[in-house]
C-alpha atoms as a PDB file:
ATOM      1  CA  UNK A   1       0.000   0.000   0.000  1.00  0.00           C
ATOM      2  CA  UNK A   2       1.461   3.311  -1.058  1.00  0.00           C
ATOM      3  CA  UNK A   3       1.623   5.841   1.768  1.00  0.00           C
ATOM      4  CA  UNK A   4      -0.404   9.014   1.595  1.00  0.00           C
ATOM      5  CA  UNK A   5       2.072  11.763   2.452  1.00  0.00           C
ATOM      6  CA  UNK A   6       2.822  12.391   5.232  1.00  0.00           C
ATOM      7  CA  UNK A   7       2.307   8.941   6.777  1.00  0.00           C
ATOM      8  CA  UNK A   8       1.130   8.257  10.299  1.00  0.00           C
ATOM      9  CA  UNK A   9       4.658   7.283  11.259  1.00  0.00           C
ATOM     10  CA  UNK A  10       6.152  10.424   9.752  1.00  0.00           C
ATOM     11  CA  UNK A  11       3.692  12.616  11.626  1.00  0.00           C
ATOM     12  CA  UNK A  12       4.358  10.943  14.976  1.00  0.00           C
ATOM     13  CA  UNK A  13       8.106  11.165  14.613  1.00  0.00           C
ATOM     14  CA  UNK A  14       7.915  14.721  13.313  1.00  0.00           C
ATOM     15  CA  UNK A  15       6.077  15.717  16.478  1.00  0.00           C
ATOM     16  CA  UNK A  16       8.508  13.875  18.750  1.00  0.00           C
ATOM     17  CA  UNK A  17      11.477  15.442  20.439  1.00  0.00           C
ATOM     18  CA  UNK A  18      13.872  13.961  17.868  1.00  0.00           C
ATOM     19  CA  UNK A  19      13.034  16.665  15.382  1.00  0.00           C
ATOM     20  CA  UNK A  20      12.700  19.339  18.028  1.00  0.00           C
ATOM     21  CA  UNK A  21      10.432  22.396  17.952  1.00  0.00           C
ATOM     22  CA  UNK A  22      10.091  24.096  14.590  1.00  0.00           C
ATOM     23  CA  UNK A  23      10.055  27.873  14.404  1.00  0.00           C
ATOM     24  CA  UNK A  24       7.249  29.409  12.385  1.00  0.00           C
ATOM     25  CA  UNK A  25       9.666  30.834   9.855  1.00  0.00           C
ATOM     26  CA  UNK A  26      11.031  27.342   9.164  1.00  0.00           C
ATOM     27  CA  UNK A  27       7.660  25.948   8.073  1.00  0.00           C
ATOM     28  CA  UNK A  28       7.379  25.061   4.403  1.00  0.00           C
ATOM     29  CA  UNK A  29       4.470  24.102   2.198  1.00  0.00           C
ATOM     30  CA  UNK A  30       3.668  20.379   2.608  1.00  0.00           C
ATOM     31  CA  UNK A  31       4.396  19.905  -1.120  1.00  0.00           C
ATOM     32  CA  UNK A  32       7.766  21.690  -1.080  1.00  0.00           C
ATOM     33  CA  UNK A  33      10.867  19.623  -1.840  1.00  0.00           C
ATOM     34  CA  UNK A  34      12.891  21.259   0.927  1.00  0.00           C
ATOM     35  CA  UNK A  35      16.580  20.321   0.984  1.00  0.00           C
ATOM     36  CA  UNK A  36      16.164  17.197  -1.173  1.00  0.00           C
ATOM     37  CA  UNK A  37      16.917  17.864  -4.834  1.00  0.00           C
ATOM     38  CA  UNK A  38      17.255  15.628  -7.913  1.00  0.00           C
ATOM     39  CA  UNK A  39      20.757  15.278  -9.379  1.00  0.00           C
ATOM     40  CA  UNK A  40      22.397  13.186 -12.095  1.00  0.00           C
ATOM     41  CA  UNK A  41      19.401  13.734 -14.420  1.00  0.00           C
ATOM     42  CA  UNK A  42      17.005  12.434 -11.797  1.00  0.00           C
ATOM     43  CA  UNK A  43      18.974   9.257 -11.130  1.00  0.00           C
ATOM     44  CA  UNK A  44      19.741  10.381  -7.570  1.00  0.00           C
ATOM     45  CA  UNK A  45      18.470  12.765  -4.907  1.00  0.00           C
ATOM     46  CA  UNK A  46      20.920  14.930  -2.984  1.00  0.00           C
ATOM     47  CA  UNK A  47      20.332  16.195   0.556  1.00  0.00           C
ATOM     48  CA  UNK A  48      22.722  19.116   0.729  1.00  0.00           C
ATOM     49  CA  UNK A  49      22.817  19.890   4.478  1.00  0.00           C
ATOM     50  CA  UNK A  50      23.698  16.310   5.440  1.00  0.00           C
ATOM     51  CA  UNK A  51      25.991  15.785   2.458  1.00  0.00           C
ATOM     52  CA  UNK A  52      24.252  12.532   1.598  1.00  0.00           C
ATOM     53  CA  UNK A  53      22.309  11.219  -1.356  1.00  0.00           C
ATOM     54  CA  UNK A  54      20.133   8.332  -2.486  1.00  0.00           C
ATOM     55  CA  UNK A  55      20.601   6.623  -5.846  1.00  0.00           C
ATOM     56  CA  UNK A  56      17.383   5.515  -7.561  1.00  0.00           C
ATOM     57  CA  UNK A  57      17.334   1.959  -8.859  1.00  0.00           C
ATOM     58  CA  UNK A  58      15.844   1.124 -12.234  1.00  0.00           C
ATOM     59  CA  UNK A  59      12.361  -0.313 -11.896  1.00  0.00           C
ATOM     60  CA  UNK A  60      11.382   1.781  -8.881  1.00  0.00           C
ATOM     61  CA  UNK A  61       8.665   4.431  -9.092  1.00  0.00           C
ATOM     62  CA  UNK A  62       9.707   7.726  -7.518  1.00  0.00           C
ATOM     63  CA  UNK A  63       7.309  10.287  -6.083  1.00  0.00           C
ATOM     64  CA  UNK A  64       8.348  13.950  -5.968  1.00  0.00           C
ATOM     65  CA  UNK A  65      10.231  14.765  -2.738  1.00  0.00           C
ATOM     66  CA  UNK A  66       8.278  16.578  -0.042  1.00  0.00           C
ATOM     67  CA  UNK A  67       9.191  18.498   3.094  1.00  0.00           C
ATOM     68  CA  UNK A  68       7.533  19.458   6.361  1.00  0.00           C
ATOM     69  CA  UNK A  69       9.604  21.964   8.276  1.00  0.00           C
ATOM     70  CA  UNK A  70      13.232  20.878   7.995  1.00  0.00           C
ATOM     71  CA  UNK A  71      12.379  17.220   7.404  1.00  0.00           C
ATOM     72  CA  UNK A  72      12.562  16.048   3.790  1.00  0.00           C
ATOM     73  CA  UNK A  73      10.824  12.918   2.496  1.00  0.00           C
ATOM     74  CA  UNK A  74      11.257  10.721  -0.557  1.00  0.00           C
ATOM     75  CA  UNK A  75       8.926   7.832  -1.416  1.00  0.00           C
ATOM     76  CA  UNK A  76       9.948   5.091  -3.839  1.00  0.00           C
ATOM     77  CA  UNK A  77       7.870   2.096  -4.802  1.00  0.00           C
ATOM     78  CA  UNK A  78       8.421  -1.195  -6.522  1.00  0.00           C
ATOM     79  CA  UNK A  79       4.952  -1.594  -7.967  1.00  0.00           C
ATOM     80  CA  UNK A  80       2.811  -4.544  -8.921  1.00  0.00           C
ATOM     81  CA  UNK A  81       2.080  -5.224 -12.580  1.00  0.00           C
ATOM     82  CA  UNK A  82      -0.575  -7.819 -11.816  1.00  0.00           C
ATOM     83  CA  UNK A  83      -2.967  -8.441  -8.888  1.00  0.00           C
ATOM     84  CA  UNK A  84      -1.206 -10.371  -6.174  1.00  0.00           C
ATOM     85  CA  UNK A  85       2.301  -9.316  -7.218  1.00  0.00           C
ATOM     86  CA  UNK A  86       4.715  -8.148  -4.567  1.00  0.00           C
ATOM     87  CA  UNK A  87       4.819  -4.431  -3.849  1.00  0.00           C
ATOM     88  CA  UNK A  88       7.395  -2.684  -1.696  1.00  0.00           C
ATOM     89  CA  UNK A  89       6.750   0.854  -0.457  1.00  0.00           C
ATOM     90  CA  UNK A  90       9.733   2.773   0.895  1.00  0.00           C
ATOM     91  CA  UNK A  91       9.840   6.142   2.626  1.00  0.00           C
ATOM     92  CA  UNK A  92      13.190   7.823   3.188  1.00  0.00           C
ATOM     93  CA  UNK A  93      13.499  10.845   5.457  1.00  0.00           C
ATOM     94  CA  UNK A  94      16.193  13.320   6.436  1.00  0.00           C
ATOM     95  CA  UNK A  95      15.606  15.242   9.682  1.00  0.00           C
ATOM     96  CA  UNK A  96      17.776  17.289  12.070  1.00  0.00           C
ATOM     97  CA  UNK A  97      19.287  15.191  14.840  1.00  0.00           C
ATOM     98  CA  UNK A  98      19.176  17.247  18.027  1.00  0.00           C
ATOM     99  CA  UNK A  99      19.964  14.464  20.506  1.00  0.00           C
ATOM    100  CA  UNK A 100      22.526  11.671  20.588  1.00  0.00           C
ATOM    101  CA  UNK A 101      21.842   8.816  18.167  1.00  0.00           C
ATOM    102  CA  UNK A 102      21.901   6.352  21.068  1.00  0.00           C
ATOM    103  CA  UNK A 103      18.870   8.192  22.479  1.00  0.00           C
ATOM    104  CA  UNK A 104      17.093   7.775  19.135  1.00  0.00           C
ATOM    105  CA  UNK A 105      17.977   4.110  18.559  1.00  0.00           C
ATOM    106  CA  UNK A 106      20.397   1.714  20.231  1.00  0.00           C
ATOM    107  CA  UNK A 107      21.148  -1.983  20.154  1.00  0.00           C
ATOM    108  CA  UNK A 108      21.559  -2.126  23.921  1.00  0.00           C
ATOM    109  CA  UNK A 109      18.549  -1.564  26.147  1.00  0.00           C
ATOM    110  CA  UNK A 110      18.799   0.986  28.944  1.00  0.00           C
ATOM    111  CA  UNK A 111      16.639   1.424  31.997  1.00  0.00           C
ATOM    112  CA  UNK A 112      15.034   4.850  32.314  1.00  0.00           C
ATOM    113  CA  UNK A 113      12.627   6.321  34.891  1.00  0.00           C
ATOM    114  CA  UNK A 114       8.934   6.098  34.094  1.00  0.00           C
ATOM    115  CA  UNK A 115       7.538   9.666  33.723  1.00  0.00           C
ATOM    116  CA  UNK A 116       5.252  11.021  36.431  1.00  0.00           C
ATOM    117  CA  UNK A 117       6.364   8.496  39.044  1.00  0.00           C
ATOM    118  CA  UNK A 118       8.363   8.833  42.218  1.00  0.00           C
ATOM    119  CA  UNK A 119      11.512   7.814  40.376  1.00  0.00           C
ATOM    120  CA  UNK A 120      11.478   4.244  41.613  1.00  0.00           C
ATOM    121  CA  UNK A 121       9.683   2.810  38.593  1.00  0.00           C
ATOM    122  CA  UNK A 122      11.853   2.133  35.544  1.00  0.00           C
ATOM    123  CA  UNK A 123      11.422   0.603  32.119  1.00  0.00           C
ATOM    124  CA  UNK A 124      13.716  -0.655  29.394  1.00  0.00           C
ATOM    125  CA  UNK A 125      14.136   1.302  26.168  1.00  0.00           C
ATOM    126  CA  UNK A 126      16.063   0.917  22.931  1.00  0.00           C
ATOM    127  CA  UNK A 127      15.543   4.606  22.135  1.00  0.00           C
ATOM    128  CA  UNK A 128      12.854   7.031  21.028  1.00  0.00           C
ATOM    129  CA  UNK A 129      12.317   5.544  17.561  1.00  0.00           C
ATOM    130  CA  UNK A 130      11.927   2.028  18.948  1.00  0.00           C
ATOM    131  CA  UNK A 131       9.483   3.287  21.585  1.00  0.00           C
ATOM    132  CA  UNK A 132       7.396   4.978  18.869  1.00  0.00           C
ATOM    133  CA  UNK A 133       7.295   1.826  16.756  1.00  0.00           C
ATOM    134  CA  UNK A 134       6.155  -0.185  19.762  1.00  0.00           C
ATOM    135  CA  UNK A 135       3.520   2.424  20.542  1.00  0.00           C
ATOM    136  CA  UNK A 136       2.173   2.233  16.985  1.00  0.00           C
ATOM    137  CA  UNK A 137       2.284  -1.530  16.460  1.00  0.00           C
ATOM    138  CA  UNK A 138       2.649  -3.177  19.870  1.00  0.00           C
ATOM    139  CA  UNK A 139       5.702  -4.496  21.699  1.00  0.00           C
ATOM    140  CA  UNK A 140       5.329  -7.989  20.247  1.00  0.00           C
ATOM    141  CA  UNK A 141       5.471  -6.612  16.683  1.00  0.00           C
ATOM    142  CA  UNK A 142       8.800  -4.748  16.916  1.00  0.00           C
ATOM    143  CA  UNK A 143      12.121  -6.581  17.064  1.00  0.00           C
ATOM    144  CA  UNK A 144      15.228  -5.542  18.960  1.00  0.00           C
ATOM    145  CA  UNK A 145      17.460  -3.171  16.917  1.00  0.00           C
ATOM    146  CA  UNK A 146      20.389  -4.842  15.175  1.00  0.00           C
ATOM    147  CA  UNK A 147      23.596  -2.963  14.415  1.00  0.00           C
ATOM    148  CA  UNK A 148      24.377  -2.730  10.681  1.00  0.00           C
ATOM    149  CA  UNK A 149      26.944  -1.030   8.481  1.00  0.00           C
ATOM    150  CA  UNK A 150      26.004   0.374   5.058  1.00  0.00           C
ATOM    151  CA  UNK A 151      28.767   1.812   2.895  1.00  0.00           C
ATOM    152  CA  UNK A 152      30.993   2.098   5.971  1.00  0.00           C
ATOM    153  CA  UNK A 153      28.291   4.022   7.875  1.00  0.00           C
ATOM    154  CA  UNK A 154      27.091   2.368  11.135  1.00  0.00           C
ATOM    155  CA  UNK A 155      23.403   2.340  11.901  1.00  0.00           C
ATOM    156  CA  UNK A 156      20.552   0.166  13.099  1.00  0.00           C
ATOM    157  CA  UNK A 157      17.959  -2.113  11.533  1.00  0.00           C
ATOM    158  CA  UNK A 158      14.593  -2.948  13.120  1.00  0.00           C
ATOM    159  CA  UNK A 159      12.193  -5.595  11.807  1.00  0.00           C
ATOM    160  CA  UNK A 160       8.497  -4.772  12.202  1.00  0.00           C
ATOM    161  CA  UNK A 161       5.793  -7.434  11.990  1.00  0.00           C
ATOM    162  CA  UNK A 162       3.119  -4.952  10.890  1.00  0.00           C
ATOM    163  CA  UNK A 163       2.524  -2.001   8.573  1.00  0.00           C
ATOM    164  CA  UNK A 164       0.617   1.277   8.131  1.00  0.00           C
ATOM    165  CA  UNK A 165      -2.660  -0.519   7.374  1.00  0.00           C
ATOM    166  CA  UNK A 166      -2.552  -2.421  10.699  1.00  0.00           C
ATOM    167  CA  UNK A 167      -4.338  -5.277   8.939  1.00  0.00           C
ATOM    168  CA  UNK A 168      -1.983  -8.123   9.949  1.00  0.00           C
ATOM    169  CA  UNK A 169      -1.081  -8.636   6.284  1.00  0.00           C
ATOM    170  CA  UNK A 170       1.934  -6.312   6.161  1.00  0.00           C
ATOM    171  CA  UNK A 171       5.469  -6.420   7.523  1.00  0.00           C
ATOM    172  CA  UNK A 172       8.378  -4.053   7.263  1.00  0.00           C
ATOM    173  CA  UNK A 173      11.820  -2.910   8.239  1.00  0.00           C
ATOM    174  CA  UNK A 174      13.362   0.349   9.453  1.00  0.00           C
ATOM    175  CA  UNK A 175      16.948   1.501   8.948  1.00  0.00           C
ATOM    176  CA  UNK A 176      18.340   4.510  10.840  1.00  0.00           C
ATOM    177  CA  UNK A 177      21.680   6.281  10.380  1.00  0.00           C
ATOM    178  CA  UNK A 178      23.417   9.430  11.554  1.00  0.00           C
ATOM    179  CA  UNK A 179      25.314  11.633   9.119  1.00  0.00           C
ATOM    180  CA  UNK A 180      26.297  15.252   8.572  1.00  0.00           C
ATOM    181  CA  UNK A 181      29.208  17.537   7.766  1.00  0.00           C
ATOM    182  CA  UNK A 182      30.328  18.023  11.379  1.00  0.00           C
ATOM    183  CA  UNK A 183      29.336  17.619  15.029  1.00  0.00           C
ATOM    184  CA  UNK A 184      27.323  20.841  14.970  1.00  0.00           C
ATOM    185  CA  UNK A 185      25.093  19.745  12.103  1.00  0.00           C
ATOM    186  CA  UNK A 186      23.927  16.168  12.385  1.00  0.00           C
ATOM    187  CA  UNK A 187      21.071  14.497  10.552  1.00  0.00           C
ATOM    188  CA  UNK A 188      19.008  11.370  11.036  1.00  0.00           C
ATOM    189  CA  UNK A 189      18.501   9.415   7.827  1.00  0.00           C
ATOM    190  CA  UNK A 190      15.746   6.814   7.984  1.00  0.00           C
ATOM    191  CA  UNK A 191      14.512   4.250   5.495  1.00  0.00           C
ATOM    192  CA  UNK A 192      11.143   2.638   6.244  1.00  0.00           C
ATOM    193  CA  UNK A 193       9.929  -0.183   3.977  1.00  0.00           C
ATOM    194  CA  UNK A 194       6.559  -1.965   3.978  1.00  0.00           C
ATOM    195  CA  UNK A 195       5.564  -5.073   2.040  1.00  0.00           C
ATOM    196  CA  UNK A 196       3.087  -8.001   2.193  1.00  0.00           C
ATOM    197  CA  UNK A 197       4.002 -10.607   4.801  1.00  0.00           C
ATOM    198  CA  UNK A 198       3.694 -13.429   2.285  1.00  0.00           C
ATOM    199  CA  UNK A 199       6.714 -11.988   0.470  1.00  0.00           C
ATOM    200  CA  UNK A 200       8.693 -11.123   3.608  1.00  0.00           C
ATOM    201  CA  UNK A 201      11.942 -12.985   2.919  1.00  0.00           C
ATOM    202  CA  UNK A 202      12.240 -11.879  -0.704  1.00  0.00           C
ATOM    203  CA  UNK A 203      11.240  -8.302   0.127  1.00  0.00           C
ATOM    204  CA  UNK A 204      13.791  -8.071   2.940  1.00  0.00           C
ATOM    205  CA  UNK A 205      16.552  -9.145   0.545  1.00  0.00           C
ATOM    206  CA  UNK A 206      15.456  -6.478  -1.940  1.00  0.00           C
ATOM    207  CA  UNK A 207      15.357  -3.743   0.731  1.00  0.00           C
ATOM    208  CA  UNK A 208      18.738  -4.838   2.101  1.00  0.00           C
ATOM    209  CA  UNK A 209      20.122  -4.143  -1.376  1.00  0.00           C
ATOM    210  CA  UNK A 210      18.152  -0.928  -1.782  1.00  0.00           C
ATOM    211  CA  UNK A 211      19.546   0.662   1.377  1.00  0.00           C
ATOM    212  CA  UNK A 212      23.040   0.261  -0.066  1.00  0.00           C
ATOM    213  CA  UNK A 213      22.124   3.065  -2.480  1.00  0.00           C
ATOM    214  CA  UNK A 214      22.484   5.602   0.321  1.00  0.00           C
ATOM    215  CA  UNK A 215      25.738   7.502  -0.116  1.00  0.00           C
ATOM    216  CA  UNK A 216      27.510   9.520   2.573  1.00  0.00           C
END
C-alpha cells in the first residue's frame, strides 16, 4: 500500500522530540521539496545539508520529494504489474538530529525512569524511535534493533511485523543512520519499507540491497 504523504509514522516522529520544535519561519508548504533535490538527471536525490544522497534503482517508481519543516521525504515504490504481485513501499526521510543517536535508537537496552512516578519505577528502552514503533504496532510486533553497516556508515535495523494498514497482512523494516558535515550539524537518515508478509523474505533481501544506495 502506497503511503499518503505524510504517513502516520512520519507525523508521529515529526512531532517527537527527535526533530525538536520548529520555528514558524522554518515551516514550508507540505508539497515543497525542501533540501532534497534531484541530481544526475534524476537518477539520484541529494540532501545538501547532510551531504548525503540516495541513488534511484531502475524499476522503482519515484514520487516527488516533499518536506515538512526541515524534514525532507522521498517515497519510492516497486509496484505490482498484476494483482497479487509483490509491492514494496519505501519512505526515506532526512531530519535534524538534536539528541545523541543512542537516544534515538540503540542496540543495547537501557533502563530509564517512568515519567510522572516517584523515580522508583523504571522501564527498558532501545531509544525514542523504537518506543514509537512499539507504541504504533505493539511491543510484540517490533524486534530488537540490530547494528548494521552500510557503505561504511554504522546504523541500526529494526524488523516490524506490521505495517501502516494495521491489517496483519503487512510487515516491514526500518533503517536509521546518523550523518552530517560536522558535530554541529547532524542528521538522522531513515529508510522505512513496507511489504506483504507473504513476500517477507524476498522483500527483505530487496530492501537490504536498496539501502546500499544511500551515499555519505
